[in-house]
């Protein structure tokens, strides 16, 4: 196994993201976040990911997932005091964006060595929902690039306490303030139907959580 002679700030940031913030990443997402989304940036990202894998910090797998769609803004946002959302309209927007067939993609995720070193969780056990996790990662990395201080407060589903009551919703991610209070719930809605949109809204409304549904 190869070794990493220097744990640079960028390598540490990548590994912390994959152990604490997101489950999976593609080379394209890495290039977009830490280099540039250009051929040279993509090549640099692939070399770095390959190096981290050779050193035992990452694993990779090939999955079939829907091509990454553009996530420029949430499909729906809500804050306590706002009027009730139109769940049928939201569901239509969520479902109508999936127009391309699944494609093969190489994904990278934290290894046991990485979680032993940095804490957190790895992503191997959830490869069956790679499409969801890659799009949620896209939401996180978008926030990371635009508002790094806010992104630092992102807590992923894997790092949240398990619900006390069976069947209670566990959000994809939350943002917390310095006192540990949830200030925003983040959910990737995939192709939710109106029932699931309503169920998610009801959960957030019952707890008084503002949310972004992507």
C-alpha atoms as a PDB file:
ATOM      1  CA  UNK A   1       0.000   0.000   0.000  1.00  0.00           C
ATOM      2  CA  UNK A   2       1.277   3.460  -0.878  1.00  0.00           C
ATOM      3  CA  UNK A   3       1.603   6.142   1.762  1.00  0.00           C
ATOM      4  CA  UNK A   4       0.904   9.875   1.755  1.00  0.00           C
ATOM      5  CA  UNK A   5       4.040  11.760   2.686  1.00  0.00           C
ATOM      6  CA  UNK A   6       2.165  14.981   3.483  1.00  0.00           C
ATOM      7  CA  UNK A   7      -1.431  15.335   4.645  1.00  0.00           C
ATOM      8  CA  UNK A   8      -2.112  18.653   2.933  1.00  0.00           C
ATOM      9  CA  UNK A   9      -5.003  20.927   3.888  1.00  0.00           C
ATOM     10  CA  UNK A  10      -6.828  19.942   0.717  1.00  0.00           C
ATOM     11  CA  UNK A  11      -6.433  16.213   1.368  1.00  0.00           C
ATOM     12  CA  UNK A  12      -7.607  16.658   4.940  1.00  0.00           C
ATOM     13  CA  UNK A  13     -10.601  18.691   3.753  1.00  0.00           C
ATOM     14  CA  UNK A  14     -11.528  16.042   1.191  1.00  0.00           C
ATOM     15  CA  UNK A  15     -11.316  13.243   3.729  1.00  0.00           C
ATOM     16  CA  UNK A  16     -13.232  15.160   6.383  1.00  0.00           C
ATOM     17  CA  UNK A  17     -15.967  15.810   3.820  1.00  0.00           C
ATOM     18  CA  UNK A  18     -16.211  12.100   3.038  1.00  0.00           C
ATOM     19  CA  UNK A  19     -16.221  11.003   6.667  1.00  0.00           C
ATOM     20  CA  UNK A  20     -18.493  13.680   8.138  1.00  0.00           C
ATOM     21  CA  UNK A  21     -20.489  15.461   5.433  1.00  0.00           C
ATOM     22  CA  UNK A  22     -21.235  13.232   2.440  1.00  0.00           C
ATOM     23  CA  UNK A  23     -21.071   9.540   1.596  1.00  0.00           C
ATOM     24  CA  UNK A  24     -19.785   9.578  -1.958  1.00  0.00           C
ATOM     25  CA  UNK A  25     -18.029  11.776  -4.480  1.00  0.00           C
ATOM     26  CA  UNK A  26     -17.123  11.612  -8.153  1.00  0.00           C
ATOM     27  CA  UNK A  27     -13.938  12.967  -9.682  1.00  0.00           C
ATOM     28  CA  UNK A  28     -16.020  15.636 -11.421  1.00  0.00           C
ATOM     29  CA  UNK A  29     -17.452  16.834  -8.104  1.00  0.00           C
ATOM     30  CA  UNK A  30     -13.960  16.879  -6.571  1.00  0.00           C
ATOM     31  CA  UNK A  31     -12.595  18.898  -9.489  1.00  0.00           C
ATOM     32  CA  UNK A  32     -15.488  21.378  -9.276  1.00  0.00           C
ATOM     33  CA  UNK A  33     -14.902  21.868  -5.544  1.00  0.00           C
ATOM     34  CA  UNK A  34     -11.116  21.843  -5.087  1.00  0.00           C
ATOM     35  CA  UNK A  35      -9.710  22.544  -8.538  1.00  0.00           C
ATOM     36  CA  UNK A  36     -11.614  23.715 -11.620  1.00  0.00           C
ATOM     37  CA  UNK A  37     -14.171  21.916 -13.750  1.00  0.00           C
ATOM     38  CA  UNK A  38     -11.776  21.782 -16.686  1.00  0.00           C
ATOM     39  CA  UNK A  39      -9.859  18.875 -18.265  1.00  0.00           C
ATOM     40  CA  UNK A  40      -6.746  19.772 -16.272  1.00  0.00           C
ATOM     41  CA  UNK A  41      -8.738  20.167 -13.078  1.00  0.00           C
ATOM     42  CA  UNK A  42     -10.426  16.805 -13.626  1.00  0.00           C
ATOM     43  CA  UNK A  43      -7.055  15.142 -14.228  1.00  0.00           C
ATOM     44  CA  UNK A  44      -5.688  16.654 -11.007  1.00  0.00           C
ATOM     45  CA  UNK A  45      -8.734  15.477  -9.063  1.00  0.00           C
ATOM     46  CA  UNK A  46      -8.405  11.944 -10.430  1.00  0.00           C
ATOM     47  CA  UNK A  47      -4.721  11.817  -9.479  1.00  0.00           C
ATOM     48  CA  UNK A  48      -5.457  12.984  -5.943  1.00  0.00           C
ATOM     49  CA  UNK A  49      -8.342  10.557  -5.482  1.00  0.00           C
ATOM     50  CA  UNK A  50      -6.219   7.722  -6.849  1.00  0.00           C
ATOM     51  CA  UNK A  51      -3.422   8.671  -4.453  1.00  0.00           C
ATOM     52  CA  UNK A  52      -5.755   8.691  -1.459  1.00  0.00           C
ATOM     53  CA  UNK A  53      -7.127   5.345  -2.543  1.00  0.00           C
ATOM     54  CA  UNK A  54      -3.631   3.868  -2.942  1.00  0.00           C
ATOM     55  CA  UNK A  55      -2.811   5.092   0.561  1.00  0.00           C
ATOM     56  CA  UNK A  56      -5.865   3.309   1.964  1.00  0.00           C
ATOM     57  CA  UNK A  57      -7.998   6.349   2.819  1.00  0.00           C
ATOM     58  CA  UNK A  58     -10.542   5.880   0.029  1.00  0.00           C
ATOM     59  CA  UNK A  59     -12.289   3.042  -1.706  1.00  0.00           C
ATOM     60  CA  UNK A  60     -13.973   3.155  -5.068  1.00  0.00           C
ATOM     61  CA  UNK A  61     -16.757   1.344  -6.842  1.00  0.00           C
ATOM     62  CA  UNK A  62     -18.664   1.561 -10.079  1.00  0.00           C
ATOM     63  CA  UNK A  63     -22.381   2.253  -9.768  1.00  0.00           C
ATOM     64  CA  UNK A  64     -25.283   2.964 -12.076  1.00  0.00           C
ATOM     65  CA  UNK A  65     -26.882   6.310 -11.245  1.00  0.00           C
ATOM     66  CA  UNK A  66     -28.822   9.048 -12.930  1.00  0.00           C
ATOM     67  CA  UNK A  67     -26.507  11.662 -14.471  1.00  0.00           C
ATOM     68  CA  UNK A  68     -25.993  14.578 -12.129  1.00  0.00           C
ATOM     69  CA  UNK A  69     -28.676  17.220 -12.659  1.00  0.00           C
ATOM     70  CA  UNK A  70     -28.110  20.914 -12.114  1.00  0.00           C
ATOM     71  CA  UNK A  71     -29.134  21.999  -8.621  1.00  0.00           C
ATOM     72  CA  UNK A  72     -29.080  25.768  -8.846  1.00  0.00           C
ATOM     73  CA  UNK A  73     -31.612  26.343  -6.062  1.00  0.00           C
ATOM     74  CA  UNK A  74     -33.988  24.399  -3.807  1.00  0.00           C
ATOM     75  CA  UNK A  75     -37.237  23.166  -5.331  1.00  0.00           C
ATOM     76  CA  UNK A  76     -39.012  24.345  -2.183  1.00  0.00           C
ATOM     77  CA  UNK A  77     -38.146  26.271   0.969  1.00  0.00           C
ATOM     78  CA  UNK A  78     -40.236  26.832   4.063  1.00  0.00           C
ATOM     79  CA  UNK A  79     -39.920  28.686   7.354  1.00  0.00           C
ATOM     80  CA  UNK A  80     -42.348  28.515  10.288  1.00  0.00           C
ATOM     81  CA  UNK A  81     -45.014  31.136   9.671  1.00  0.00           C
ATOM     82  CA  UNK A  82     -45.035  30.625   5.892  1.00  0.00           C
ATOM     83  CA  UNK A  83     -48.213  29.347   4.272  1.00  0.00           C
ATOM     84  CA  UNK A  84     -48.638  25.646   3.594  1.00  0.00           C
ATOM     85  CA  UNK A  85     -46.750  24.446   0.502  1.00  0.00           C
ATOM     86  CA  UNK A  86     -48.465  23.133  -2.602  1.00  0.00           C
ATOM     87  CA  UNK A  87     -47.250  19.549  -2.348  1.00  0.00           C
ATOM     88  CA  UNK A  88     -48.665  18.507  -5.731  1.00  0.00           C
ATOM     89  CA  UNK A  89     -46.762  21.276  -7.500  1.00  0.00           C
ATOM     90  CA  UNK A  90     -43.556  20.480  -5.618  1.00  0.00           C
ATOM     91  CA  UNK A  91     -43.871  16.768  -6.413  1.00  0.00           C
ATOM     92  CA  UNK A  92     -44.366  17.552 -10.101  1.00  0.00           C
ATOM     93  CA  UNK A  93     -41.187  19.634 -10.169  1.00  0.00           C
ATOM     94  CA  UNK A  94     -39.257  16.911  -8.380  1.00  0.00           C
ATOM     95  CA  UNK A  95     -40.453  14.114 -10.641  1.00  0.00           C
ATOM     96  CA  UNK A  96     -40.268  15.908 -13.984  1.00  0.00           C
ATOM     97  CA  UNK A  97     -36.519  16.544 -13.790  1.00  0.00           C
ATOM     98  CA  UNK A  98     -35.532  12.895 -14.252  1.00  0.00           C
ATOM     99  CA  UNK A  99     -35.357  12.564 -18.022  1.00  0.00           C
ATOM    100  CA  UNK A 100     -32.156  10.617 -18.675  1.00  0.00           C
ATOM    101  CA  UNK A 101     -31.427   6.920 -18.095  1.00  0.00           C
ATOM    102  CA  UNK A 102     -28.952   5.752 -15.466  1.00  0.00           C
ATOM    103  CA  UNK A 103     -25.275   5.676 -16.387  1.00  0.00           C
ATOM    104  CA  UNK A 104     -22.215   3.958 -15.055  1.00  0.00           C
ATOM    105  CA  UNK A 105     -20.110   6.146 -12.767  1.00  0.00           C
ATOM    106  CA  UNK A 106     -17.058   5.649 -10.571  1.00  0.00           C
ATOM    107  CA  UNK A 107     -17.583   6.859  -7.011  1.00  0.00           C
ATOM    108  CA  UNK A 108     -15.147   7.265  -4.138  1.00  0.00           C
ATOM    109  CA  UNK A 109     -15.964   6.882  -0.454  1.00  0.00           C
ATOM    110  CA  UNK A 110     -14.165   6.836   2.876  1.00  0.00           C
ATOM    111  CA  UNK A 111     -12.454   3.620   3.917  1.00  0.00           C
ATOM    112  CA  UNK A 112     -12.328   2.143   7.395  1.00  0.00           C
ATOM    113  CA  UNK A 113      -8.806   3.550   7.674  1.00  0.00           C
ATOM    114  CA  UNK A 114     -10.177   7.035   6.998  1.00  0.00           C
ATOM    115  CA  UNK A 115     -12.916   6.721   9.618  1.00  0.00           C
ATOM    116  CA  UNK A 116     -10.437   5.332  12.125  1.00  0.00           C
ATOM    117  CA  UNK A 117      -8.231   8.368  11.483  1.00  0.00           C
ATOM    118  CA  UNK A 118     -10.854  11.123  11.194  1.00  0.00           C
ATOM    119  CA  UNK A 119     -13.909   9.640  12.907  1.00  0.00           C
ATOM    120  CA  UNK A 120     -17.278   9.903  11.229  1.00  0.00           C
ATOM    121  CA  UNK A 121     -18.699   7.322   8.870  1.00  0.00           C
ATOM    122  CA  UNK A 122     -17.891   5.689   5.553  1.00  0.00           C
ATOM    123  CA  UNK A 123     -20.159   5.328   2.547  1.00  0.00           C
ATOM    124  CA  UNK A 124     -19.759   1.732   1.428  1.00  0.00           C
ATOM    125  CA  UNK A 125     -22.995   0.411   2.913  1.00  0.00           C
ATOM    126  CA  UNK A 126     -25.213   2.792   0.912  1.00  0.00           C
ATOM    127  CA  UNK A 127     -24.009   2.209  -2.645  1.00  0.00           C
ATOM    128  CA  UNK A 128     -27.494   1.058  -3.606  1.00  0.00           C
ATOM    129  CA  UNK A 129     -28.669   4.662  -3.281  1.00  0.00           C
ATOM    130  CA  UNK A 130     -25.674   6.258  -4.962  1.00  0.00           C
ATOM    131  CA  UNK A 131     -27.795   8.531  -7.145  1.00  0.00           C
ATOM    132  CA  UNK A 132     -29.438  10.117  -4.109  1.00  0.00           C
ATOM    133  CA  UNK A 133     -26.173  10.440  -2.223  1.00  0.00           C
ATOM    134  CA  UNK A 134     -24.287  11.962  -5.153  1.00  0.00           C
ATOM    135  CA  UNK A 135     -26.953  14.624  -5.614  1.00  0.00           C
ATOM    136  CA  UNK A 136     -27.010  15.362  -1.888  1.00  0.00           C
ATOM    137  CA  UNK A 137     -23.227  15.700  -2.090  1.00  0.00           C
ATOM    138  CA  UNK A 138     -23.723  18.179  -4.910  1.00  0.00           C
ATOM    139  CA  UNK A 139     -25.903  20.272  -2.598  1.00  0.00           C
ATOM    140  CA  UNK A 140     -23.253  20.165   0.133  1.00  0.00           C
ATOM    141  CA  UNK A 141     -20.356  21.044  -2.175  1.00  0.00           C
ATOM    142  CA  UNK A 142     -22.354  23.912  -3.669  1.00  0.00           C
ATOM    143  CA  UNK A 143     -22.786  25.319  -0.147  1.00  0.00           C
ATOM    144  CA  UNK A 144     -19.137  24.593   0.628  1.00  0.00           C
ATOM    145  CA  UNK A 145     -17.992  26.694  -2.318  1.00  0.00           C
ATOM    146  CA  UNK A 146     -20.425  29.562  -1.713  1.00  0.00           C
ATOM    147  CA  UNK A 147     -20.584  29.673   2.112  1.00  0.00           C
ATOM    148  CA  UNK A 148     -17.786  27.610   3.668  1.00  0.00           C
ATOM    149  CA  UNK A 149     -18.554  28.804   7.203  1.00  0.00           C
ATOM    150  CA  UNK A 150     -22.181  27.725   6.862  1.00  0.00           C
ATOM    151  CA  UNK A 151     -21.159  24.430   5.271  1.00  0.00           C
ATOM    152  CA  UNK A 152     -19.008  23.728   8.332  1.00  0.00           C
ATOM    153  CA  UNK A 153     -22.221  23.422  10.379  1.00  0.00           C
ATOM    154  CA  UNK A 154     -23.628  20.727   8.042  1.00  0.00           C
ATOM    155  CA  UNK A 155     -24.372  17.501   9.908  1.00  0.00           C
ATOM    156  CA  UNK A 156     -25.165  14.516   7.748  1.00  0.00           C
ATOM    157  CA  UNK A 157     -27.813  11.892   8.425  1.00  0.00           C
ATOM    158  CA  UNK A 158     -25.085   9.415   9.406  1.00  0.00           C
ATOM    159  CA  UNK A 159     -23.914  11.762  12.173  1.00  0.00           C
ATOM    160  CA  UNK A 160     -27.371  12.500  13.608  1.00  0.00           C
ATOM    161  CA  UNK A 161     -28.814  10.625  16.602  1.00  0.00           C
ATOM    162  CA  UNK A 162     -31.197   7.838  15.661  1.00  0.00           C
ATOM    163  CA  UNK A 163     -34.877   8.764  16.161  1.00  0.00           C
ATOM    164  CA  UNK A 164     -36.329   7.697  19.502  1.00  0.00           C
ATOM    165  CA  UNK A 165     -39.667   6.721  17.970  1.00  0.00           C
ATOM    166  CA  UNK A 166     -39.919   4.033  15.268  1.00  0.00           C
ATOM    167  CA  UNK A 167     -40.746   5.461  11.862  1.00  0.00           C
ATOM    168  CA  UNK A 168     -39.793   9.037  12.761  1.00  0.00           C
ATOM    169  CA  UNK A 169     -38.125  10.992   9.947  1.00  0.00           C
ATOM    170  CA  UNK A 170     -34.353  11.333   9.891  1.00  0.00           C
ATOM    171  CA  UNK A 171     -33.355  14.235   7.603  1.00  0.00           C
ATOM    172  CA  UNK A 172     -30.640  13.934   4.978  1.00  0.00           C
ATOM    173  CA  UNK A 173     -28.726  16.723   6.739  1.00  0.00           C
ATOM    174  CA  UNK A 174     -29.199  19.659   9.079  1.00  0.00           C
ATOM    175  CA  UNK A 175     -27.417  22.929   9.714  1.00  0.00           C
ATOM    176  CA  UNK A 176     -26.937  23.899  13.356  1.00  0.00           C
ATOM    177  CA  UNK A 177     -26.002  27.175  15.031  1.00  0.00           C
ATOM    178  CA  UNK A 178     -23.244  27.620  17.597  1.00  0.00           C
ATOM    179  CA  UNK A 179     -25.631  26.584  20.387  1.00  0.00           C
ATOM    180  CA  UNK A 180     -26.434  23.306  18.643  1.00  0.00           C
ATOM    181  CA  UNK A 181     -29.930  24.309  17.534  1.00  0.00           C
ATOM    182  CA  UNK A 182     -31.163  23.154  14.131  1.00  0.00           C
ATOM    183  CA  UNK A 183     -31.541  26.223  11.921  1.00  0.00           C
ATOM    184  CA  UNK A 184     -32.232  24.460   8.621  1.00  0.00           C
ATOM    185  CA  UNK A 185     -33.111  20.974   7.426  1.00  0.00           C
ATOM    186  CA  UNK A 186     -31.681  19.874   4.085  1.00  0.00           C
ATOM    187  CA  UNK A 187     -33.435  17.163   2.090  1.00  0.00           C
ATOM    188  CA  UNK A 188     -32.796  15.869  -1.419  1.00  0.00           C
ATOM    189  CA  UNK A 189     -36.264  15.053  -2.683  1.00  0.00           C
ATOM    190  CA  UNK A 190     -35.303  12.802  -5.566  1.00  0.00           C
ATOM    191  CA  UNK A 191     -38.618  11.984  -7.232  1.00  0.00           C
ATOM    192  CA  UNK A 192     -40.826  12.319  -4.149  1.00  0.00           C
ATOM    193  CA  UNK A 193     -44.554  12.100  -4.752  1.00  0.00           C
ATOM    194  CA  UNK A 194     -46.960  14.486  -3.040  1.00  0.00           C
ATOM    195  CA  UNK A 195     -47.435  12.139  -0.088  1.00  0.00           C
ATOM    196  CA  UNK A 196     -43.725  12.056   0.696  1.00  0.00           C
ATOM    197  CA  UNK A 197     -43.408  15.817   0.252  1.00  0.00           C
ATOM    198  CA  UNK A 198     -46.301  16.289   2.666  1.00  0.00           C
ATOM    199  CA  UNK A 199     -44.795  13.868   5.171  1.00  0.00           C
ATOM    200  CA  UNK A 200     -41.462  15.679   5.070  1.00  0.00           C
ATOM    201  CA  UNK A 201     -43.152  19.057   5.479  1.00  0.00           C
ATOM    202  CA  UNK A 202     -45.261  17.820   8.380  1.00  0.00           C
ATOM    203  CA  UNK A 203     -42.159  16.549  10.168  1.00  0.00           C
ATOM    204  CA  UNK A 204     -40.380  19.897   9.844  1.00  0.00           C
ATOM    205  CA  UNK A 205     -43.483  21.893  10.726  1.00  0.00           C
ATOM    206  CA  UNK A 206     -44.115  19.810  13.851  1.00  0.00           C
ATOM    207  CA  UNK A 207     -40.598  20.589  15.087  1.00  0.00           C
ATOM    208  CA  UNK A 208     -40.491  24.187  13.869  1.00  0.00           C
ATOM    209  CA  UNK A 209     -37.614  23.515  11.471  1.00  0.00           C
ATOM    210  CA  UNK A 210     -37.042  25.707   8.406  1.00  0.00           C
ATOM    211  CA  UNK A 211     -36.130  23.554   5.421  1.00  0.00           C
ATOM    212  CA  UNK A 212     -34.753  23.386   1.920  1.00  0.00           C
ATOM    213  CA  UNK A 213     -36.063  20.612  -0.310  1.00  0.00           C
ATOM    214  CA  UNK A 214     -33.795  20.090  -3.303  1.00  0.00           C
END
